[in-house]
Amino acid sequence: MIKPTKLTDPKNCIIFNSYNILAFLKRKEKATYQETLKSQIDILGEEANDLFLLSLNFLFALGKINYVEELDSLELINETK
């Protein structure tokens, strides 16, 4: 289980990175992998590289995002379907 502690830096946390990815995809609905990574680097700096794939895996496992291989893009899965 992912549980933050009082010593956890929010910027270096999968949950925070996942939130930022979801917020970005809510604005765009579909974005390329590189666009999404660049948005995270703009927010968090180079540290975003370390947690980016882990955050994507977390969101994919929760069923929040989908990867479209043909377009190399990520899309937000609409929860109101």
C-alpha atoms as a PDB file:
ATOM      1  CA  MET A   1       0.000   0.000   0.000  1.00  0.00           C
ATOM      2  CA  ILE A   2       1.189   3.525  -0.738  1.00  0.00           C
ATOM      3  CA  LYS A   3       1.098   5.478   2.498  1.00  0.00           C
ATOM      4  CA  PRO A   4       2.799   8.831   2.871  1.00  0.00           C
ATOM      5  CA  THR A   5       4.539   9.595   6.142  1.00  0.00           C
ATOM      6  CA  LYS A   6       5.475  12.875   7.741  1.00  0.00           C
ATOM      7  CA  LEU A   7       8.904  12.550   6.125  1.00  0.00           C
ATOM      8  CA  THR A   8       7.546  12.088   2.587  1.00  0.00           C
ATOM      9  CA  ASP A   9       8.330  14.990   0.296  1.00  0.00           C
ATOM     10  CA  PRO A  10       5.099  15.625  -1.632  1.00  0.00           C
ATOM     11  CA  LYS A  11       6.984  16.496  -4.805  1.00  0.00           C
ATOM     12  CA  ASN A  12       8.702  13.100  -4.790  1.00  0.00           C
ATOM     13  CA  CYS A  13       5.559  11.060  -4.260  1.00  0.00           C
ATOM     14  CA  ILE A  14       3.758   8.859  -6.797  1.00  0.00           C
ATOM     15  CA  ILE A  15       0.384  10.109  -5.592  1.00  0.00           C
ATOM     16  CA  PHE A  16       1.300  13.765  -6.204  1.00  0.00           C
ATOM     17  CA  ASN A  17       2.779  13.003  -9.619  1.00  0.00           C
ATOM     18  CA  SER A  18      -0.299  10.988 -10.534  1.00  0.00           C
ATOM     19  CA  TYR A  19      -2.513  13.905  -9.523  1.00  0.00           C
ATOM     20  CA  ASN A  20      -0.531  16.241 -11.779  1.00  0.00           C
ATOM     21  CA  ILE A  21      -0.804  13.824 -14.706  1.00  0.00           C
ATOM     22  CA  LEU A  22      -4.577  13.523 -14.198  1.00  0.00           C
ATOM     23  CA  ALA A  23      -4.944  17.312 -13.999  1.00  0.00           C
ATOM     24  CA  PHE A  24      -2.967  17.691 -17.243  1.00  0.00           C
ATOM     25  CA  LEU A  25      -5.027  15.048 -19.039  1.00  0.00           C
ATOM     26  CA  LYS A  26      -8.290  16.578 -17.801  1.00  0.00           C
ATOM     27  CA  ARG A  27      -7.314  19.768 -19.620  1.00  0.00           C
ATOM     28  CA  LYS A  28      -6.230  18.020 -22.834  1.00  0.00           C
ATOM     29  CA  GLU A  29      -8.057  14.631 -22.655  1.00  0.00           C
ATOM     30  CA  LYS A  30      -5.431  13.115 -24.975  1.00  0.00           C
ATOM     31  CA  ALA A  31      -1.730  13.948 -25.070  1.00  0.00           C
ATOM     32  CA  THR A  32       1.405  12.305 -26.356  1.00  0.00           C
ATOM     33  CA  TYR A  33       3.791  10.633 -23.968  1.00  0.00           C
ATOM     34  CA  GLN A  34       6.377  13.375 -24.530  1.00  0.00           C
ATOM     35  CA  GLU A  35       3.866  16.197 -23.928  1.00  0.00           C
ATOM     36  CA  THR A  36       2.811  14.606 -20.662  1.00  0.00           C
ATOM     37  CA  LEU A  37       6.403  14.072 -19.541  1.00  0.00           C
ATOM     38  CA  LYS A  38       7.297  17.668 -20.439  1.00  0.00           C
ATOM     39  CA  SER A  39       4.358  18.963 -18.406  1.00  0.00           C
ATOM     40  CA  GLN A  40       5.633  17.034 -15.381  1.00  0.00           C
ATOM     41  CA  ILE A  41       9.186  18.309 -15.843  1.00  0.00           C
ATOM     42  CA  ASP A  42       7.842  21.876 -16.051  1.00  0.00           C
ATOM     43  CA  ILE A  43       6.054  21.406 -12.716  1.00  0.00           C
ATOM     44  CA  LEU A  44       8.526  19.290 -10.770  1.00  0.00           C
ATOM     45  CA  GLY A  45      11.853  19.681 -12.522  1.00  0.00           C
ATOM     46  CA  GLU A  46      14.131  16.811 -13.500  1.00  0.00           C
ATOM     47  CA  GLU A  47      12.980  14.738 -10.511  1.00  0.00           C
ATOM     48  CA  ALA A  48       9.814  14.017 -12.505  1.00  0.00           C
ATOM     49  CA  ASN A  49      11.780  11.616 -14.717  1.00  0.00           C
ATOM     50  CA  ASP A  50      12.288   9.233 -11.809  1.00  0.00           C
ATOM     51  CA  LEU A  51       8.623   8.862 -10.882  1.00  0.00           C
ATOM     52  CA  PHE A  52       6.900   9.428 -14.221  1.00  0.00           C
ATOM     53  CA  LEU A  53       6.656   5.782 -15.313  1.00  0.00           C
ATOM     54  CA  LEU A  54       5.723   4.651 -11.822  1.00  0.00           C
ATOM     55  CA  SER A  55       2.927   7.227 -11.762  1.00  0.00           C
ATOM     56  CA  LEU A  56       1.681   6.109 -15.187  1.00  0.00           C
ATOM     57  CA  ASN A  57       1.673   2.486 -14.033  1.00  0.00           C
ATOM     58  CA  PHE A  58      -0.250   3.480 -10.919  1.00  0.00           C
ATOM     59  CA  LEU A  59      -2.900   5.348 -12.943  1.00  0.00           C
ATOM     60  CA  PHE A  60      -3.164   2.527 -15.478  1.00  0.00           C
ATOM     61  CA  ALA A  61      -3.637  -0.034 -12.696  1.00  0.00           C
ATOM     62  CA  LEU A  62      -6.419   2.115 -11.225  1.00  0.00           C
ATOM     63  CA  GLY A  63      -8.096   2.305 -14.636  1.00  0.00           C
ATOM     64  CA  LYS A  64      -7.763   6.086 -14.934  1.00  0.00           C
ATOM     65  CA  ILE A  65      -5.703   6.294 -18.136  1.00  0.00           C
ATOM     66  CA  ASN A  66      -5.279   4.356 -21.344  1.00  0.00           C
ATOM     67  CA  TYR A  67      -2.244   4.151 -23.635  1.00  0.00           C
ATOM     68  CA  VAL A  68      -2.885   4.318 -27.382  1.00  0.00           C
ATOM     69  CA  GLU A  69       0.070   2.587 -28.977  1.00  0.00           C
ATOM     70  CA  GLU A  70      -0.586   3.725 -32.566  1.00  0.00           C
ATOM     71  CA  LEU A  71      -0.474   7.395 -31.550  1.00  0.00           C
ATOM     72  CA  ASP A  72       1.992   6.989 -28.645  1.00  0.00           C
ATOM     73  CA  SER A  73      -0.469   8.934 -26.535  1.00  0.00           C
ATOM     74  CA  LEU A  74      -2.196   8.794 -23.192  1.00  0.00           C
ATOM     75  CA  GLU A  75      -5.886   9.421 -22.759  1.00  0.00           C
ATOM     76  CA  LEU A  76      -8.045   9.938 -19.731  1.00  0.00           C
ATOM     77  CA  ILE A  77     -10.726   7.318 -19.283  1.00  0.00           C
ATOM     78  CA  ASN A  78     -14.085   9.023 -18.846  1.00  0.00           C
ATOM     79  CA  GLU A  79     -15.609   7.954 -15.545  1.00  0.00           C
ATOM     80  CA  THR A  80     -19.151   8.976 -16.476  1.00  0.00           C
ATOM     81  CA  LYS A  81     -19.651   6.294 -19.136  1.00  0.00           C
END
